[in-house]
Amino acid sequence: MRNRITAIRTSTAAELEKQLESDQKNAIILGRLCSMLRKENPAKAIAYCRRASDAEPSNMNHAVGFGAALVQAREFESAVGLFSENNLGCSRQRHGSGQPGDSVISAKAL
């Protein structure tokens, strides 16, 4: 419980990564890193999101975070697949001529 509270209160990625060294499968720390790094370092966030999702596969918050990190990294097809696989209301719809950029990804989860 103490580790959980510490992870929730920690405000920097560096501090969380330090905590993760001693508890590498801590889903709370992994989920926080996923959220924190999503915009500044999407590739790193994806790795943490995937690990959080693997640590707690039934926690849909991790799946949504993982998908959001994929979207941030512009990995749209992977995000659609993840959201669809987890029944998070995502679909891909083609509009226009079928050229790149003519499709829309609709995700209720985001």
N, C-alpha and C. Protein backbone atom coordinates (compact mmCIF):
# COMPACT_ATOMS: atom_id res chain seq x y z
N MET A 1 0.83 -1.19 0.00
CA MET A 1 0.00 0.00 0.00
C MET A 1 0.87 1.26 0.00
N ARG A 2 1.95 1.22 0.76
CA ARG A 2 2.84 2.38 0.83
C ARG A 2 3.42 2.70 -0.56
N ASN A 3 3.86 1.65 -1.28
CA ASN A 3 4.41 1.85 -2.63
C ASN A 3 3.37 2.44 -3.57
N ARG A 4 2.14 2.04 -3.38
CA ARG A 4 1.05 2.54 -4.21
C ARG A 4 0.85 4.04 -4.00
N ILE A 5 0.83 4.46 -2.75
CA ILE A 5 0.66 5.87 -2.41
C ILE A 5 1.83 6.68 -2.94
N THR A 6 3.04 6.16 -2.77
CA THR A 6 4.23 6.85 -3.26
C THR A 6 4.16 7.03 -4.77
N ALA A 7 3.75 6.00 -5.48
CA ALA A 7 3.65 6.07 -6.94
C ALA A 7 2.62 7.11 -7.37
N ILE A 8 1.52 7.17 -6.67
CA ILE A 8 0.46 8.13 -7.01
C ILE A 8 0.91 9.56 -6.77
N ARG A 9 1.69 9.78 -5.72
CA ARG A 9 2.12 11.13 -5.35
C ARG A 9 3.35 11.62 -6.12
N THR A 10 4.08 10.72 -6.71
CA THR A 10 5.31 11.09 -7.42
C THR A 10 4.95 11.92 -8.65
N SER A 11 5.71 13.00 -8.85
CA SER A 11 5.33 13.93 -9.91
C SER A 11 6.26 13.96 -11.12
N THR A 12 7.38 13.27 -11.08
CA THR A 12 8.26 13.29 -12.25
C THR A 12 8.50 11.88 -12.78
N ALA A 13 8.73 11.81 -14.07
CA ALA A 13 8.99 10.53 -14.71
C ALA A 13 10.27 9.91 -14.16
N ALA A 14 11.28 10.73 -13.91
CA ALA A 14 12.56 10.21 -13.40
C ALA A 14 12.37 9.52 -12.05
N GLU A 15 11.56 10.12 -11.18
CA GLU A 15 11.31 9.51 -9.86
C GLU A 15 10.55 8.19 -10.02
N LEU A 16 9.57 8.17 -10.91
CA LEU A 16 8.80 6.94 -11.13
C LEU A 16 9.68 5.84 -11.74
N GLU A 17 10.55 6.22 -12.67
CA GLU A 17 11.44 5.23 -13.26
C GLU A 17 12.38 4.65 -12.21
N LYS A 18 12.80 5.47 -11.27
CA LYS A 18 13.65 5.00 -10.16
C LYS A 18 12.88 3.98 -9.32
N GLN A 19 11.61 4.29 -9.01
CA GLN A 19 10.77 3.37 -8.24
C GLN A 19 10.55 2.06 -9.00
N LEU A 20 10.44 2.17 -10.30
CA LEU A 20 10.17 1.01 -11.15
C LEU A 20 11.33 0.01 -11.12
N GLU A 21 12.54 0.50 -10.86
CA GLU A 21 13.70 -0.38 -10.79
C GLU A 21 13.52 -1.48 -9.75
N SER A 22 12.86 -1.15 -8.64
CA SER A 22 12.69 -2.14 -7.57
C SER A 22 11.37 -2.92 -7.68
N ASP A 23 10.48 -2.49 -8.57
CA ASP A 23 9.18 -3.16 -8.73
C ASP A 23 8.76 -3.05 -10.19
N GLN A 24 9.41 -3.83 -11.05
CA GLN A 24 9.28 -3.68 -12.50
C GLN A 24 7.91 -3.99 -13.08
N LYS A 25 7.05 -4.66 -12.32
CA LYS A 25 5.72 -5.00 -12.84
C LYS A 25 4.62 -4.20 -12.14
N ASN A 26 4.98 -3.11 -11.49
CA ASN A 26 4.01 -2.29 -10.77
C ASN A 26 3.13 -1.55 -11.78
N ALA A 27 1.89 -2.00 -11.92
CA ALA A 27 0.98 -1.44 -12.92
C ALA A 27 0.66 0.03 -12.66
N ILE A 28 0.65 0.44 -11.41
CA ILE A 28 0.37 1.85 -11.10
C ILE A 28 1.49 2.74 -11.63
N ILE A 29 2.73 2.36 -11.34
CA ILE A 29 3.87 3.14 -11.83
C ILE A 29 3.90 3.12 -13.35
N LEU A 30 3.72 1.96 -13.94
CA LEU A 30 3.73 1.85 -15.40
C LEU A 30 2.63 2.70 -16.04
N GLY A 31 1.44 2.68 -15.45
CA GLY A 31 0.33 3.49 -15.95
C GLY A 31 0.59 4.98 -15.84
N ARG A 32 1.20 5.38 -14.73
CA ARG A 32 1.53 6.81 -14.55
C ARG A 32 2.57 7.25 -15.58
N LEU A 33 3.59 6.42 -15.80
CA LEU A 33 4.60 6.75 -16.80
C LEU A 33 3.98 6.80 -18.20
N CYS A 34 3.07 5.91 -18.46
CA CYS A 34 2.35 5.91 -19.74
C CYS A 34 1.66 7.26 -19.95
N SER A 35 0.95 7.72 -18.95
CA SER A 35 0.23 8.99 -19.05
C SER A 35 1.17 10.18 -19.11
N MET A 36 2.18 10.18 -18.26
CA MET A 36 3.11 11.31 -18.18
C MET A 36 3.89 11.54 -19.46
N LEU A 37 4.31 10.46 -20.09
CA LEU A 37 5.23 10.57 -21.22
C LEU A 37 4.52 10.58 -22.58
N ARG A 38 3.22 10.44 -22.58
CA ARG A 38 2.46 10.27 -23.82
C ARG A 38 2.76 11.37 -24.84
N LYS A 39 2.81 12.62 -24.42
CA LYS A 39 3.02 13.72 -25.37
C LYS A 39 4.49 13.99 -25.65
N GLU A 40 5.32 13.97 -24.62
CA GLU A 40 6.73 14.34 -24.82
C GLU A 40 7.57 13.22 -25.41
N ASN A 41 7.18 11.97 -25.16
CA ASN A 41 7.96 10.84 -25.68
C ASN A 41 7.02 9.66 -25.95
N PRO A 42 6.23 9.74 -27.02
CA PRO A 42 5.23 8.70 -27.29
C PRO A 42 5.82 7.29 -27.39
N ALA A 43 7.00 7.15 -27.98
CA ALA A 43 7.59 5.82 -28.13
C ALA A 43 7.87 5.19 -26.76
N LYS A 44 8.41 5.97 -25.86
CA LYS A 44 8.70 5.47 -24.51
C LYS A 44 7.39 5.20 -23.77
N ALA A 45 6.41 6.08 -23.96
CA ALA A 45 5.10 5.90 -23.32
C ALA A 45 4.46 4.60 -23.78
N ILE A 46 4.57 4.30 -25.07
CA ILE A 46 3.98 3.06 -25.60
C ILE A 46 4.54 1.85 -24.88
N ALA A 47 5.84 1.85 -24.64
CA ALA A 47 6.46 0.71 -23.95
C ALA A 47 5.90 0.57 -22.53
N TYR A 48 5.76 1.69 -21.83
CA TYR A 48 5.21 1.64 -20.47
C TYR A 48 3.73 1.25 -20.49
N CYS A 49 3.00 1.77 -21.46
CA CYS A 49 1.57 1.44 -21.58
C CYS A 49 1.37 -0.05 -21.83
N ARG A 50 2.18 -0.59 -22.72
CA ARG A 50 2.09 -2.02 -23.04
C ARG A 50 2.37 -2.85 -21.78
N ARG A 51 3.39 -2.46 -21.03
CA ARG A 51 3.73 -3.20 -19.80
C ARG A 51 2.63 -3.08 -18.76
N ALA A 52 2.03 -1.89 -18.64
CA ALA A 52 0.93 -1.71 -17.68
C ALA A 52 -0.25 -2.58 -18.08
N SER A 53 -0.55 -2.60 -19.36
CA SER A 53 -1.66 -3.40 -19.86
C SER A 53 -1.40 -4.89 -19.66
N ASP A 54 -0.15 -5.31 -19.85
CA ASP A 54 0.21 -6.71 -19.62
C ASP A 54 0.12 -7.07 -18.13
N ALA A 55 0.49 -6.12 -17.27
CA ALA A 55 0.47 -6.37 -15.82
C ALA A 55 -0.95 -6.48 -15.28
N GLU A 56 -1.87 -5.70 -15.85
CA GLU A 56 -3.28 -5.72 -15.44
C GLU A 56 -4.17 -5.75 -16.68
N PRO A 57 -4.26 -6.91 -17.33
CA PRO A 57 -5.00 -6.98 -18.60
C PRO A 57 -6.48 -6.64 -18.49
N SER A 58 -7.07 -6.77 -17.33
CA SER A 58 -8.49 -6.47 -17.19
C SER A 58 -8.76 -5.00 -16.87
N ASN A 59 -7.71 -4.21 -16.68
CA ASN A 59 -7.87 -2.78 -16.38
C ASN A 59 -7.94 -2.01 -17.70
N MET A 60 -9.14 -1.59 -18.06
CA MET A 60 -9.35 -0.90 -19.33
C MET A 60 -8.68 0.48 -19.36
N ASN A 61 -8.39 1.06 -18.20
CA ASN A 61 -7.67 2.33 -18.19
C ASN A 61 -6.31 2.19 -18.87
N HIS A 62 -5.66 1.05 -18.64
CA HIS A 62 -4.36 0.82 -19.28
C HIS A 62 -4.53 0.65 -20.79
N ALA A 63 -5.57 -0.03 -21.21
CA ALA A 63 -5.82 -0.22 -22.65
C ALA A 63 -6.10 1.13 -23.32
N VAL A 64 -6.89 1.97 -22.67
CA VAL A 64 -7.19 3.29 -23.22
C VAL A 64 -5.92 4.13 -23.28
N GLY A 65 -5.11 4.10 -22.22
CA GLY A 65 -3.85 4.83 -22.21
C GLY A 65 -2.91 4.35 -23.31
N PHE A 66 -2.86 3.04 -23.48
CA PHE A 66 -2.02 2.43 -24.52
C PHE A 66 -2.49 2.92 -25.89
N GLY A 67 -3.79 2.88 -26.13
CA GLY A 67 -4.33 3.35 -27.40
C GLY A 67 -4.08 4.82 -27.63
N ALA A 68 -4.22 5.62 -26.58
CA ALA A 68 -3.97 7.06 -26.70
C ALA A 68 -2.51 7.34 -27.03
N ALA A 69 -1.60 6.57 -26.44
CA ALA A 69 -0.18 6.72 -26.76
C ALA A 69 0.09 6.35 -28.22
N LEU A 70 -0.58 5.31 -28.70
CA LEU A 70 -0.43 4.92 -30.10
C LEU A 70 -0.94 6.03 -31.03
N VAL A 71 -2.06 6.64 -30.67
CA VAL A 71 -2.59 7.76 -31.46
C VAL A 71 -1.60 8.92 -31.44
N GLN A 72 -1.07 9.24 -30.27
CA GLN A 72 -0.11 10.34 -30.14
C GLN A 72 1.12 10.08 -31.03
N ALA A 73 1.51 8.81 -31.13
CA ALA A 73 2.66 8.45 -31.97
C ALA A 73 2.25 8.28 -33.44
N ARG A 74 1.00 8.57 -33.74
CA ARG A 74 0.44 8.48 -35.09
C ARG A 74 0.44 7.06 -35.63
N GLU A 75 0.32 6.09 -34.73
CA GLU A 75 0.20 4.68 -35.10
C GLU A 75 -1.29 4.32 -35.08
N PHE A 76 -2.02 4.93 -36.00
CA PHE A 76 -3.48 4.86 -35.99
C PHE A 76 -4.02 3.45 -36.18
N GLU A 77 -3.45 2.70 -37.10
CA GLU A 77 -3.95 1.34 -37.34
C GLU A 77 -3.80 0.48 -36.09
N SER A 78 -2.66 0.60 -35.42
CA SER A 78 -2.44 -0.16 -34.18
C SER A 78 -3.43 0.26 -33.10
N ALA A 79 -3.71 1.57 -33.03
CA ALA A 79 -4.66 2.07 -32.03
C ALA A 79 -6.06 1.52 -32.31
N VAL A 80 -6.48 1.55 -33.58
CA VAL A 80 -7.79 1.02 -33.94
C VAL A 80 -7.88 -0.45 -33.57
N GLY A 81 -6.84 -1.20 -33.89
CA GLY A 81 -6.83 -2.63 -33.55
C GLY A 81 -6.95 -2.86 -32.05
N LEU A 82 -6.20 -2.09 -31.28
CA LEU A 82 -6.24 -2.23 -29.82
C LEU A 82 -7.62 -1.87 -29.27
N PHE A 83 -8.17 -0.75 -29.72
CA PHE A 83 -9.49 -0.34 -29.23
C PHE A 83 -10.57 -1.35 -29.63
N SER A 84 -10.50 -1.83 -30.86
CA SER A 84 -11.48 -2.81 -31.33
C SER A 84 -11.37 -4.12 -30.55
N GLU A 85 -10.15 -4.56 -30.34
CA GLU A 85 -9.88 -5.80 -29.61
C GLU A 85 -10.43 -5.75 -28.18
N ASN A 86 -10.43 -4.57 -27.60
CA ASN A 86 -10.90 -4.40 -26.22
C ASN A 86 -12.33 -3.87 -26.14
N ASN A 87 -13.05 -3.90 -27.27
CA ASN A 87 -14.44 -3.43 -27.32
C ASN A 87 -14.58 -2.01 -26.78
N LEU A 88 -13.68 -1.13 -27.21
CA LEU A 88 -13.71 0.25 -26.76
C LEU A 88 -14.33 1.19 -27.79
N GLY A 89 -15.14 0.64 -28.68
CA GLY A 89 -15.93 1.46 -29.60
C GLY A 89 -15.13 2.24 -30.61
N CYS A 90 -14.24 1.58 -31.30
CA CYS A 90 -13.42 2.27 -32.29
C CYS A 90 -13.63 1.62 -33.65
N SER A 91 -13.69 2.44 -34.66
CA SER A 91 -13.81 1.91 -36.02
C SER A 91 -13.09 2.83 -36.98
N ARG A 92 -12.74 2.29 -38.12
CA ARG A 92 -12.11 3.09 -39.16
C ARG A 92 -13.10 3.24 -40.29
N GLN A 93 -13.30 4.46 -40.74
CA GLN A 93 -14.25 4.72 -41.81
C GLN A 93 -13.53 5.46 -42.93
N ARG A 94 -13.73 5.02 -44.14
CA ARG A 94 -13.10 5.67 -45.30
C ARG A 94 -14.05 6.73 -45.86
N HIS A 95 -13.48 7.85 -46.18
CA HIS A 95 -14.24 8.95 -46.78
C HIS A 95 -13.49 9.42 -48.02
N GLY A 96 -14.20 9.86 -48.99
CA GLY A 96 -13.58 10.46 -50.16
C GLY A 96 -13.00 9.44 -51.11
N SER A 97 -11.85 9.74 -51.66
CA SER A 97 -11.25 8.97 -52.75
C SER A 97 -10.45 7.76 -52.29
N GLY A 98 -10.33 7.56 -51.01
CA GLY A 98 -9.53 6.45 -50.52
C GLY A 98 -8.05 6.78 -50.45
N GLN A 99 -7.71 8.03 -50.71
CA GLN A 99 -6.32 8.47 -50.63
C GLN A 99 -5.90 8.61 -49.17
N PRO A 100 -4.59 8.54 -48.90
CA PRO A 100 -4.14 8.76 -47.52
C PRO A 100 -4.68 10.10 -47.00
N GLY A 101 -5.14 10.08 -45.81
CA GLY A 101 -5.71 11.29 -45.22
C GLY A 101 -7.21 11.39 -45.39
N ASP A 102 -7.78 10.50 -46.21
CA ASP A 102 -9.22 10.51 -46.44
C ASP A 102 -9.98 9.58 -45.50
N SER A 103 -9.31 9.07 -44.50
CA SER A 103 -10.00 8.19 -43.57
C SER A 103 -10.09 8.84 -42.20
N VAL A 104 -11.06 8.41 -41.46
CA VAL A 104 -11.30 8.96 -40.14
C VAL A 104 -11.31 7.81 -39.15
N ILE A 105 -10.66 8.00 -38.05
CA ILE A 105 -10.72 7.01 -36.99
C ILE A 105 -11.61 7.58 -35.92
N SER A 106 -12.64 6.83 -35.61
CA SER A 106 -13.59 7.28 -34.62
C SER A 106 -13.44 6.41 -33.38
N ALA A 107 -13.18 7.05 -32.26
CA ALA A 107 -12.98 6.28 -31.02
C ALA A 107 -13.78 6.90 -29.89
N LYS A 108 -14.75 6.16 -29.39
CA LYS A 108 -15.54 6.64 -28.26
C LYS A 108 -14.69 6.73 -27.00
N ALA A 109 -13.68 5.88 -26.91
CA ALA A 109 -12.86 5.82 -25.70
C ALA A 109 -12.06 7.10 -25.50
N LEU A 110 -11.71 7.80 -26.57
CA LEU A 110 -10.93 9.01 -26.43
C LEU A 110 -11.83 10.18 -26.20
